[in-house]
Amino acid sequence: FVAGGLVLGAAACGEAPKDENAGSAGGKKYNACMVTDVGGI
């Protein structure tokens, strides 16, 4: 199974997702999103 990750729901948990985007202005964006567990980033 697993023991990892840290994550907070934006709307329900009162903390906006951390957004660190740096892509090219080329093709269609592919959005990869990560939810951590309580261990923290």
Full PDB file with SEQRES, HELIX, SHEET, SSBOND, CRYST1, ORIGX, SCALE, CONECT and MASTER records, all heavy atoms in Angstrom:
SEQRES   1 A   41  PHE VAL ALA GLY GLY LEU VAL LEU GLY ALA ALA ALA CYS          
SEQRES   2 A   41  GLY GLU ALA PRO LYS ASP GLU ASN ALA GLY SER ALA GLY          
SEQRES   3 A   41  GLY LYS LYS TYR ASN ALA CYS MET VAL THR ASP VAL GLY          
SEQRES   4 A   41  GLY ILE                                                      
HELIX    1 AA1 ALA A   10  CYS A   13  1                                   4    
CRYST1    1.000    1.000    1.000  90.00  90.00  90.00 P 1           1          
ORIGX1      1.000000  0.000000  0.000000        0.00000                         
ORIGX2      0.000000  1.000000  0.000000        0.00000                         
ORIGX3      0.000000  0.000000  1.000000        0.00000                         
SCALE1      1.000000  0.000000  0.000000        0.00000                         
SCALE2      0.000000  1.000000  0.000000        0.00000                         
SCALE3      0.000000  0.000000  1.000000        0.00000                         
ATOM      1  N   PHE A   1       0.871  -1.169   0.000  1.00  0.00           N  
ATOM      2  CA  PHE A   1       0.000   0.000   0.000  1.00  0.00           C  
ATOM      3  C   PHE A   1       0.895   1.201   0.000  1.00  0.00           C  
ATOM      4  O   PHE A   1       1.864   1.213  -0.687  1.00  0.00           O  
ATOM      5  CB  PHE A   1      -0.922  -0.060   1.206  1.00  0.00           C  
ATOM      6  CG  PHE A   1      -1.711  -1.305   1.203  1.00  0.00           C  
ATOM      7  CD1 PHE A   1      -1.557  -2.239   2.194  1.00  0.00           C  
ATOM      8  CD2 PHE A   1      -2.569  -1.571   0.154  1.00  0.00           C  
ATOM      9  CE1 PHE A   1      -2.286  -3.408   2.157  1.00  0.00           C  
ATOM     10  CE2 PHE A   1      -3.289  -2.737   0.113  1.00  0.00           C  
ATOM     11  CZ  PHE A   1      -3.142  -3.657   1.117  1.00  0.00           C  
ATOM     12  N   VAL A   2       0.676   2.272   0.732  1.00  0.00           N  
ATOM     13  CA  VAL A   2       1.588   3.379   0.693  1.00  0.00           C  
ATOM     14  C   VAL A   2       1.489   4.249   1.908  1.00  0.00           C  
ATOM     15  O   VAL A   2       0.490   4.325   2.534  1.00  0.00           O  
ATOM     16  CB  VAL A   2       1.319   4.268  -0.494  1.00  0.00           C  
ATOM     17  CG1 VAL A   2       2.281   5.419  -0.474  1.00  0.00           C  
ATOM     18  CG2 VAL A   2       1.447   3.479  -1.754  1.00  0.00           C  
ATOM     19  N   ALA A   3       2.512   4.960   2.184  1.00  0.00           N  
ATOM     20  CA  ALA A   3       2.500   5.864   3.299  1.00  0.00           C  
ATOM     21  C   ALA A   3       3.084   7.178   2.873  1.00  0.00           C  
ATOM     22  O   ALA A   3       4.171   7.511   3.213  1.00  0.00           O  
ATOM     23  CB  ALA A   3       3.317   5.284   4.423  1.00  0.00           C  
ATOM     24  N   GLY A   4       2.433   7.941   2.140  1.00  0.00           N  
ATOM     25  CA  GLY A   4       3.072   9.153   1.730  1.00  0.00           C  
ATOM     26  C   GLY A   4       2.102  10.242   1.415  1.00  0.00           C  
ATOM     27  O   GLY A   4       0.938  10.159   1.584  1.00  0.00           O  
ATOM     28  N   GLY A   5       2.548  11.337   0.952  1.00  0.00           N  
ATOM     29  CA  GLY A   5       1.825  12.415   0.354  1.00  0.00           C  
ATOM     30  C   GLY A   5       1.297  13.419   1.341  1.00  0.00           C  
ATOM     31  O   GLY A   5       1.087  13.163   2.486  1.00  0.00           O  
ATOM     32  N   LEU A   6       1.084  14.629   0.835  1.00  0.00           N  
ATOM     33  CA  LEU A   6       0.510  15.665   1.666  1.00  0.00           C  
ATOM     34  C   LEU A   6      -0.419  16.451   0.802  1.00  0.00           C  
ATOM     35  O   LEU A   6      -0.044  16.888  -0.236  1.00  0.00           O  
ATOM     36  CB  LEU A   6       1.602  16.588   2.149  1.00  0.00           C  
ATOM     37  CG  LEU A   6       2.465  17.093   1.031  1.00  0.00           C  
ATOM     38  CD1 LEU A   6       2.978  18.474   1.366  1.00  0.00           C  
ATOM     39  CD2 LEU A   6       3.554  16.145   0.744  1.00  0.00           C  
ATOM     40  N   VAL A   7      -1.647  16.652   1.214  1.00  0.00           N  
ATOM     41  CA  VAL A   7      -2.532  17.317   0.302  1.00  0.00           C  
ATOM     42  C   VAL A   7      -3.671  18.051   0.957  1.00  0.00           C  
ATOM     43  O   VAL A   7      -4.194  17.608   1.928  1.00  0.00           O  
ATOM     44  CB  VAL A   7      -3.143  16.300  -0.630  1.00  0.00           C  
ATOM     45  CG1 VAL A   7      -3.871  17.004  -1.721  1.00  0.00           C  
ATOM     46  CG2 VAL A   7      -2.046  15.439  -1.184  1.00  0.00           C  
ATOM     47  N   LEU A   8      -4.078  19.147   0.387  1.00  0.00           N  
ATOM     48  CA  LEU A   8      -5.211  19.888   0.904  1.00  0.00           C  
ATOM     49  C   LEU A   8      -6.186  20.284  -0.179  1.00  0.00           C  
ATOM     50  O   LEU A   8      -5.781  20.807  -1.189  1.00  0.00           O  
ATOM     51  CB  LEU A   8      -4.721  21.174   1.562  1.00  0.00           C  
ATOM     52  CG  LEU A   8      -4.564  21.054   3.074  1.00  0.00           C  
ATOM     53  CD1 LEU A   8      -4.568  22.447   3.631  1.00  0.00           C  
ATOM     54  CD2 LEU A   8      -5.666  20.264   3.688  1.00  0.00           C  
ATOM     55  N   GLY A   9      -7.465  20.057   0.079  1.00  0.00           N  
ATOM     56  CA  GLY A   9      -8.473  20.452  -0.896  1.00  0.00           C  
ATOM     57  C   GLY A   9      -8.607  21.958  -0.889  1.00  0.00           C  
ATOM     58  O   GLY A   9      -8.729  22.578   0.136  1.00  0.00           O  
ATOM     59  N   ALA A  10      -8.590  22.539  -2.061  1.00  0.00           N  
ATOM     60  CA  ALA A  10      -8.628  23.978  -2.164  1.00  0.00           C  
ATOM     61  C   ALA A  10      -9.884  24.553  -1.539  1.00  0.00           C  
ATOM     62  O   ALA A  10      -9.832  25.359  -0.628  1.00  0.00           O  
ATOM     63  CB  ALA A  10      -8.544  24.386  -3.627  1.00  0.00           C  
ATOM     64  N   ALA A  11     -11.029  24.111  -2.033  1.00  0.00           N  
ATOM     65  CA  ALA A  11     -12.266  24.713  -1.574  1.00  0.00           C  
ATOM     66  C   ALA A  11     -12.583  24.317  -0.143  1.00  0.00           C  
ATOM     67  O   ALA A  11     -12.903  25.146   0.694  1.00  0.00           O  
ATOM     68  CB  ALA A  11     -13.403  24.303  -2.492  1.00  0.00           C  
ATOM     69  N   ALA A  12     -12.454  23.002   0.146  1.00  0.00           N  
ATOM     70  CA  ALA A  12     -12.930  22.524   1.434  1.00  0.00           C  
ATOM     71  C   ALA A  12     -11.950  22.737   2.562  1.00  0.00           C  
ATOM     72  O   ALA A  12     -12.318  22.765   3.699  1.00  0.00           O  
ATOM     73  CB  ALA A  12     -13.276  21.047   1.336  1.00  0.00           C  
ATOM     74  N   CYS A  13     -10.645  22.858   2.247  1.00  0.00           N  
ATOM     75  CA  CYS A  13      -9.657  22.898   3.312  1.00  0.00           C  
ATOM     76  C   CYS A  13      -9.097  24.286   3.547  1.00  0.00           C  
ATOM     77  O   CYS A  13      -8.182  24.458   4.327  1.00  0.00           O  
ATOM     78  CB  CYS A  13      -8.525  21.931   3.002  1.00  0.00           C  
ATOM     79  SG  CYS A  13      -9.140  20.270   2.730  1.00  0.00           S  
ATOM     80  N   GLY A  14      -9.580  25.275   2.815  1.00  0.00           N  
ATOM     81  CA  GLY A  14      -9.179  26.631   3.083  1.00  0.00           C  
ATOM     82  C   GLY A  14      -7.794  26.987   2.627  1.00  0.00           C  
ATOM     83  O   GLY A  14      -7.236  27.993   3.045  1.00  0.00           O  
ATOM     84  N   GLU A  15      -7.176  26.173   1.796  1.00  0.00           N  
ATOM     85  CA  GLU A  15      -5.833  26.479   1.310  1.00  0.00           C  
ATOM     86  C   GLU A  15      -5.803  26.244  -0.186  1.00  0.00           C  
ATOM     87  O   GLU A  15      -6.078  25.158  -0.660  1.00  0.00           O  
ATOM     88  CB  GLU A  15      -4.802  25.583   2.003  1.00  0.00           C  
ATOM     89  CG  GLU A  15      -3.389  25.843   1.550  1.00  0.00           C  
ATOM     90  CD  GLU A  15      -2.418  24.979   2.338  1.00  0.00           C  
ATOM     91  OE1 GLU A  15      -2.481  24.999   3.575  1.00  0.00           O  
ATOM     92  OE2 GLU A  15      -1.619  24.273   1.715  1.00  0.00           O  
ATOM     93  N   ALA A  16      -5.469  27.264  -0.938  1.00  0.00           N  
ATOM     94  CA  ALA A  16      -5.461  27.132  -2.392  1.00  0.00           C  
ATOM     95  C   ALA A  16      -4.341  26.220  -2.833  1.00  0.00           C  
ATOM     96  O   ALA A  16      -3.266  26.237  -2.247  1.00  0.00           O  
ATOM     97  CB  ALA A  16      -5.279  28.504  -3.030  1.00  0.00           C  
ATOM     98  N   PRO A  17      -4.568  25.393  -3.865  1.00  0.00           N  
ATOM     99  CA  PRO A  17      -3.496  24.536  -4.368  1.00  0.00           C  
ATOM    100  C   PRO A  17      -2.309  25.376  -4.792  1.00  0.00           C  
ATOM    101  O   PRO A  17      -2.455  26.452  -5.362  1.00  0.00           O  
ATOM    102  CB  PRO A  17      -4.138  23.841  -5.576  1.00  0.00           C  
ATOM    103  CG  PRO A  17      -5.586  23.874  -5.284  1.00  0.00           C  
ATOM    104  CD  PRO A  17      -5.825  25.160  -4.562  1.00  0.00           C  
ATOM    105  N   LYS A  18      -1.134  24.855  -4.494  1.00  0.00           N  
ATOM    106  CA  LYS A  18       0.081  25.539  -4.902  1.00  0.00           C  
ATOM    107  C   LYS A  18       0.271  25.314  -6.377  1.00  0.00           C  
ATOM    108  O   LYS A  18       0.348  24.194  -6.846  1.00  0.00           O  
ATOM    109  CB  LYS A  18       1.279  24.997  -4.120  1.00  0.00           C  
ATOM    110  CG  LYS A  18       2.526  25.821  -4.320  1.00  0.00           C  
ATOM    111  CD  LYS A  18       3.504  25.532  -3.199  1.00  0.00           C  
ATOM    112  CE  LYS A  18       4.714  26.432  -3.295  1.00  0.00           C  
ATOM    113  NZ  LYS A  18       5.593  26.280  -2.144  1.00  0.00           N  
ATOM    114  N   ASP A  19       0.364  26.376  -7.133  1.00  0.00           N  
ATOM    115  CA  ASP A  19       0.415  26.294  -8.585  1.00  0.00           C  
ATOM    116  C   ASP A  19       1.757  26.807  -9.065  1.00  0.00           C  
ATOM    117  O   ASP A  19       2.078  27.968  -8.889  1.00  0.00           O  
ATOM    118  CB  ASP A  19      -0.714  27.141  -9.178  1.00  0.00           C  
ATOM    119  CG  ASP A  19      -1.119  26.651 -10.562  1.00  0.00           C  
ATOM    120  OD1 ASP A  19      -0.297  25.973 -11.173  1.00  0.00           O  
ATOM    121  OD2 ASP A  19      -2.243  26.963 -10.994  1.00  0.00           O  
ATOM    122  N   GLU A  20       2.569  25.925  -9.627  1.00  0.00           N  
ATOM    123  CA  GLU A  20       3.874  26.328 -10.117  1.00  0.00           C  
ATOM    124  C   GLU A  20       3.968  25.939 -11.574  1.00  0.00           C  
ATOM    125  O   GLU A  20       4.516  24.906 -11.929  1.00  0.00           O  
ATOM    126  CB  GLU A  20       4.987  25.660  -9.311  1.00  0.00           C  
ATOM    127  CG  GLU A  20       4.922  26.020  -7.844  1.00  0.00           C  
ATOM    128  CD  GLU A  20       6.089  25.440  -7.069  1.00  0.00           C  
ATOM    129  OE1 GLU A  20       7.099  25.087  -7.692  1.00  0.00           O  
ATOM    130  OE2 GLU A  20       5.987  25.337  -5.842  1.00  0.00           O  
ATOM    131  N   ASN A  21       3.395  26.760 -12.435  1.00  0.00           N  
ATOM    132  CA  ASN A  21       3.334  26.442 -13.844  1.00  0.00           C  
ATOM    133  C   ASN A  21       4.421  27.164 -14.618  1.00  0.00           C  
ATOM    134  O   ASN A  21       4.668  28.325 -14.412  1.00  0.00           O  
ATOM    135  CB  ASN A  21       1.977  26.840 -14.425  1.00  0.00           C  
ATOM    136  CG  ASN A  21       0.851  26.095 -13.733  1.00  0.00           C  
ATOM    137  OD1 ASN A  21       1.067  24.999 -13.219  1.00  0.00           O  
ATOM    138  ND2 ASN A  21      -0.321  26.673 -13.698  1.00  0.00           N  
ATOM    139  N   ALA A  22       5.035  26.454 -15.527  1.00  0.00           N  
ATOM    140  CA  ALA A  22       6.060  27.060 -16.361  1.00  0.00           C  
ATOM    141  C   ALA A  22       6.132  26.300 -17.659  1.00  0.00           C  
ATOM    142  O   ALA A  22       7.001  25.473 -17.868  1.00  0.00           O  
ATOM    143  CB  ALA A  22       7.406  27.036 -15.654  1.00  0.00           C  
ATOM    144  N   GLY A  23       5.188  26.524 -18.522  1.00  0.00           N  
ATOM    145  CA  GLY A  23       5.139  25.766 -19.770  1.00  0.00           C  
ATOM    146  C   GLY A  23       5.406  26.641 -20.958  1.00  0.00           C  
ATOM    147  O   GLY A  23       5.520  27.849 -20.866  1.00  0.00           O  
ATOM    148  N   SER A  24       5.541  26.001 -22.114  1.00  0.00           N  
ATOM    149  CA  SER A  24       5.747  26.747 -23.346  1.00  0.00           C  
ATOM    150  C   SER A  24       4.400  27.262 -23.830  1.00  0.00           C  
ATOM    151  O   SER A  24       3.358  26.864 -23.358  1.00  0.00           O  
ATOM    152  CB  SER A  24       6.366  25.836 -24.412  1.00  0.00           C  
ATOM    153  OG  SER A  24       5.412  24.878 -24.829  1.00  0.00           O  
ATOM    154  N   ALA A  25       4.471  28.144 -24.800  1.00  0.00           N  
ATOM    155  CA  ALA A  25       3.232  28.705 -25.332  1.00  0.00           C  
ATOM    156  C   ALA A  25       2.777  27.917 -26.551  1.00  0.00           C  
ATOM    157  O   ALA A  25       2.029  28.403 -27.372  1.00  0.00           O  
ATOM    158  CB  ALA A  25       3.455  30.171 -25.689  1.00  0.00           C  
ATOM    159  N   GLY A  26       3.243  26.677 -26.642  1.00  0.00           N  
ATOM    160  CA  GLY A  26       3.001  25.884 -27.841  1.00  0.00           C  
ATOM    161  C   GLY A  26       1.680  25.164 -27.850  1.00  0.00           C  
ATOM    162  O   GLY A  26       0.624  25.763 -28.010  1.00  0.00           O  
ATOM    163  N   GLY A  27       1.717  23.819 -27.660  1.00  0.00           N  
ATOM    164  CA  GLY A  27       0.535  22.989 -27.833  1.00  0.00           C  
ATOM    165  C   GLY A  27      -0.420  23.055 -26.667  1.00  0.00           C  
ATOM    166  O   GLY A  27      -0.314  23.884 -25.772  1.00  0.00           O  
ATOM    167  N   LYS A  28      -1.367  22.107 -26.689  1.00  0.00           N  
ATOM    168  CA  LYS A  28      -2.383  22.041 -25.634  1.00  0.00           C  
ATOM    169  C   LYS A  28      -1.725  21.665 -24.307  1.00  0.00           C  
ATOM    170  O   LYS A  28      -0.886  20.771 -24.241  1.00  0.00           O  
ATOM    171  CB  LYS A  28      -3.416  20.985 -26.024  1.00  0.00           C  
ATOM    172  CG  LYS A  28      -4.567  20.855 -25.035  1.00  0.00           C  
ATOM    173  CD  LYS A  28      -5.530  19.776 -25.488  1.00  0.00           C  
ATOM    174  CE  LYS A  28      -6.703  19.667 -24.517  1.00  0.00           C  
ATOM    175  NZ  LYS A  28      -6.279  19.246 -23.185  1.00  0.00           N  
ATOM    176  N   LYS A  29      -2.102  22.381 -23.288  1.00  0.00           N  
ATOM    177  CA  LYS A  29      -1.530  22.117 -21.973  1.00  0.00           C  
ATOM    178  C   LYS A  29      -2.024  20.786 -21.415  1.00  0.00           C  
ATOM    179  O   LYS A  29      -3.178  20.408 -21.594  1.00  0.00           O  
ATOM    180  CB  LYS A  29      -1.884  23.249 -21.008  1.00  0.00           C  
ATOM    181  CG  LYS A  29      -1.259  24.592 -21.371  1.00  0.00           C  
ATOM    182  CD  LYS A  29       0.248  24.507 -21.327  1.00  0.00           C  
ATOM    183  CE  LYS A  29       0.873  25.861 -21.658  1.00  0.00           C  
ATOM    184  NZ  LYS A  29       2.341  25.759 -21.747  1.00  0.00           N  
ATOM    185  N   TYR A  30      -1.124  20.087 -20.736  1.00  0.00           N  
ATOM    186  CA  TYR A  30      -1.459  18.845 -20.052  1.00  0.00           C  
ATOM    187  C   TYR A  30      -1.264  19.120 -18.566  1.00  0.00           C  
ATOM    188  O   TYR A  30      -0.148  19.392 -18.113  1.00  0.00           O  
ATOM    189  CB  TYR A  30      -0.565  17.702 -20.514  1.00  0.00           C  
ATOM    190  CG  TYR A  30      -0.944  16.353 -19.920  1.00  0.00           C  
ATOM    191  CD1 TYR A  30      -1.892  15.542 -20.532  1.00  0.00           C  
ATOM    192  CD2 TYR A  30      -0.358  15.913 -18.730  1.00  0.00           C  
ATOM    193  CE1 TYR A  30      -2.253  14.319 -19.983  1.00  0.00           C  
ATOM    194  CE2 TYR A  30      -0.710  14.689 -18.172  1.00  0.00           C  
ATOM    195  CZ  TYR A  30      -1.663  13.900 -18.812  1.00  0.00           C  
ATOM    196  OH  TYR A  30      -2.015  12.678 -18.263  1.00  0.00           O  
ATOM    197  N   ASN A  31      -2.337  19.059 -17.803  1.00  0.00           N  
ATOM    198  CA  ASN A  31      -2.291  19.434 -16.393  1.00  0.00           C  
ATOM    199  C   ASN A  31      -2.083  18.211 -15.497  1.00  0.00           C  
ATOM    200  O   ASN A  31      -2.953  17.347 -15.399  1.00  0.00           O  
ATOM    201  CB  ASN A  31      -3.594  20.137 -15.998  1.00  0.00           C  
ATOM    202  CG  ASN A  31      -3.816  21.408 -16.788  1.00  0.00           C  
ATOM    203  OD1 ASN A  31      -2.925  22.236 -16.887  1.00  0.00           O  
ATOM    204  ND2 ASN A  31      -5.006  21.559 -17.366  1.00  0.00           N  
ATOM    205  N   ALA A  32      -0.912  18.163 -14.865  1.00  0.00           N  
ATOM    206  CA  ALA A  32      -0.581  17.085 -13.936  1.00  0.00           C  
ATOM    207  C   ALA A  32      -0.671  17.633 -12.521  1.00  0.00           C  
ATOM    208  O   ALA A  32       0.028  18.591 -12.166  1.00  0.00           O  
ATOM    209  CB  ALA A  32       0.811  16.554 -14.219  1.00  0.00           C  
ATOM    210  N   CYS A  33      -1.524  17.026 -11.704  1.00  0.00           N  
ATOM    211  CA  CYS A  33      -1.825  17.557 -10.374  1.00  0.00           C  
ATOM    212  C   CYS A  33      -1.528  16.495  -9.309  1.00  0.00           C  
ATOM    213  O   CYS A  33      -1.797  15.314  -9.520  1.00  0.00           O  
ATOM    214  CB  CYS A  33      -3.290  17.964 -10.294  1.00  0.00           C  
ATOM    215  SG  CYS A  33      -3.813  19.069 -11.639  1.00  0.00           S  
ATOM    216  N   MET A  34      -1.013  16.926  -8.184  1.00  0.00           N  
ATOM    217  CA  MET A  34      -0.606  15.983  -7.142  1.00  0.00           C  
ATOM    218  C   MET A  34      -1.279  16.307  -5.819  1.00  0.00           C  
ATOM    219  O   MET A  34      -1.337  17.454  -5.390  1.00  0.00           O  
ATOM    220  CB  MET A  34       0.912  16.038  -6.968  1.00  0.00           C  
ATOM    221  CG  MET A  34       1.460  15.070  -5.934  1.00  0.00           C  
ATOM    222  SD  MET A  34       3.267  15.127  -5.860  1.00  0.00           S  
ATOM    223  CE  MET A  34       3.512  15.794  -4.221  1.00  0.00           C  
ATOM    224  N   VAL A  35      -1.776  15.265  -5.176  1.00  0.00           N  
ATOM    225  CA  VAL A  35      -2.329  15.380  -3.827  1.00  0.00           C  
ATOM    226  C   VAL A  35      -1.388  14.633  -2.884  1.00  0.00           C  
ATOM    227  O   VAL A  35      -1.112  13.453  -3.073  1.00  0.00           O  
ATOM    228  CB  VAL A  35      -3.743  14.770  -3.750  1.00  0.00           C  
ATOM    229  CG1 VAL A  35      -4.256  14.820  -2.313  1.00  0.00           C  
ATOM    230  CG2 VAL A  35      -4.698  15.494  -4.680  1.00  0.00           C  
ATOM    231  N   THR A  36      -0.902  15.330  -1.865  1.00  0.00           N  
ATOM    232  CA  THR A  36      -0.018  14.675  -0.916  1.00  0.00           C  
ATOM    233  C   THR A  36      -0.817  14.151   0.276  1.00  0.00           C  
ATOM    234  O   THR A  36      -1.947  14.560   0.507  1.00  0.00           O  
ATOM    235  CB  THR A  36       1.043  15.640  -0.386  1.00  0.00           C  
ATOM    236  OG1 THR A  36       0.412  16.577   0.468  1.00  0.00           O  
ATOM    237  CG2 THR A  36       1.720  16.403  -1.525  1.00  0.00           C  
ATOM    238  N   ASP A  37      -0.186  13.305   1.030  1.00  0.00           N  
ATOM    239  CA  ASP A  37      -0.827  12.909   2.268  1.00  0.00           C  
ATOM    240  C   ASP A  37      -0.358  13.866   3.363  1.00  0.00           C  
ATOM    241  O   ASP A  37       0.294  14.872   3.086  1.00  0.00           O  
ATOM    242  CB  ASP A  37      -0.568  11.438   2.589  1.00  0.00           C  
ATOM    243  CG  ASP A  37       0.796  11.182   3.189  1.00  0.00           C  
ATOM    244  OD1 ASP A  37       1.591  12.134   3.283  1.00  0.00           O  
ATOM    245  OD2 ASP A  37       1.084  10.036   3.564  1.00  0.00           O  
ATOM    246  N   VAL A  38      -0.640  13.546   4.586  1.00  0.00           N  
ATOM    247  CA  VAL A  38      -0.379  14.479   5.688  1.00  0.00           C  
ATOM    248  C   VAL A  38       1.104  14.638   5.996  1.00  0.00           C  
ATOM    249  O   VAL A  38       1.473  15.474   6.817  1.00  0.00           O  
ATOM    250  CB  VAL A  38      -1.135  14.039   6.962  1.00  0.00           C  
ATOM    251  CG1 VAL A  38      -2.629  14.148   6.747  1.00  0.00           C  
ATOM    252  CG2 VAL A  38      -0.760  12.596   7.344  1.00  0.00           C  
ATOM    253  N   GLY A  39       1.971  13.866   5.344  1.00  0.00           N  
ATOM    254  CA  GLY A  39       3.398  13.994   5.590  1.00  0.00           C  
ATOM    255  C   GLY A  39       3.971  15.319   5.139  1.00  0.00           C  
ATOM    256  O   GLY A  39       4.991  15.772   5.648  1.00  0.00           O  
ATOM    257  N   GLY A  40       3.370  15.932   4.129  1.00  0.00           N  
ATOM    258  CA  GLY A  40       3.808  17.237   3.689  1.00  0.00           C  
ATOM    259  C   GLY A  40       4.768  17.194   2.525  1.00  0.00           C  
ATOM    260  O   GLY A  40       5.531  16.248   2.347  1.00  0.00           O  
ATOM    261  N   ILE A  41       4.770  18.267   1.739  1.00  0.00           N  
ATOM    262  CA  ILE A  41       5.594  18.340   0.535  1.00  0.00           C  
ATOM    263  C   ILE A  41       7.074  18.389   0.868  1.00  0.00           C  
ATOM    264  O   ILE A  41       7.930  18.015   0.075  1.00  0.00           O  
ATOM    265  CB  ILE A  41       5.211  19.579  -0.311  1.00  0.00           C  
ATOM    266  CG1 ILE A  41       5.748  19.468  -1.739  1.00  0.00           C  
ATOM    267  CG2 ILE A  41       5.685  20.861   0.340  1.00  0.00           C  
ATOM    268  CD1 ILE A  41       5.041  18.423  -2.560  1.00  0.00           C  
TER     269      ILE A  41                                                      
MASTER        0    0    0    1    0    0    0    6  268    1    0    4          
END                                                                             
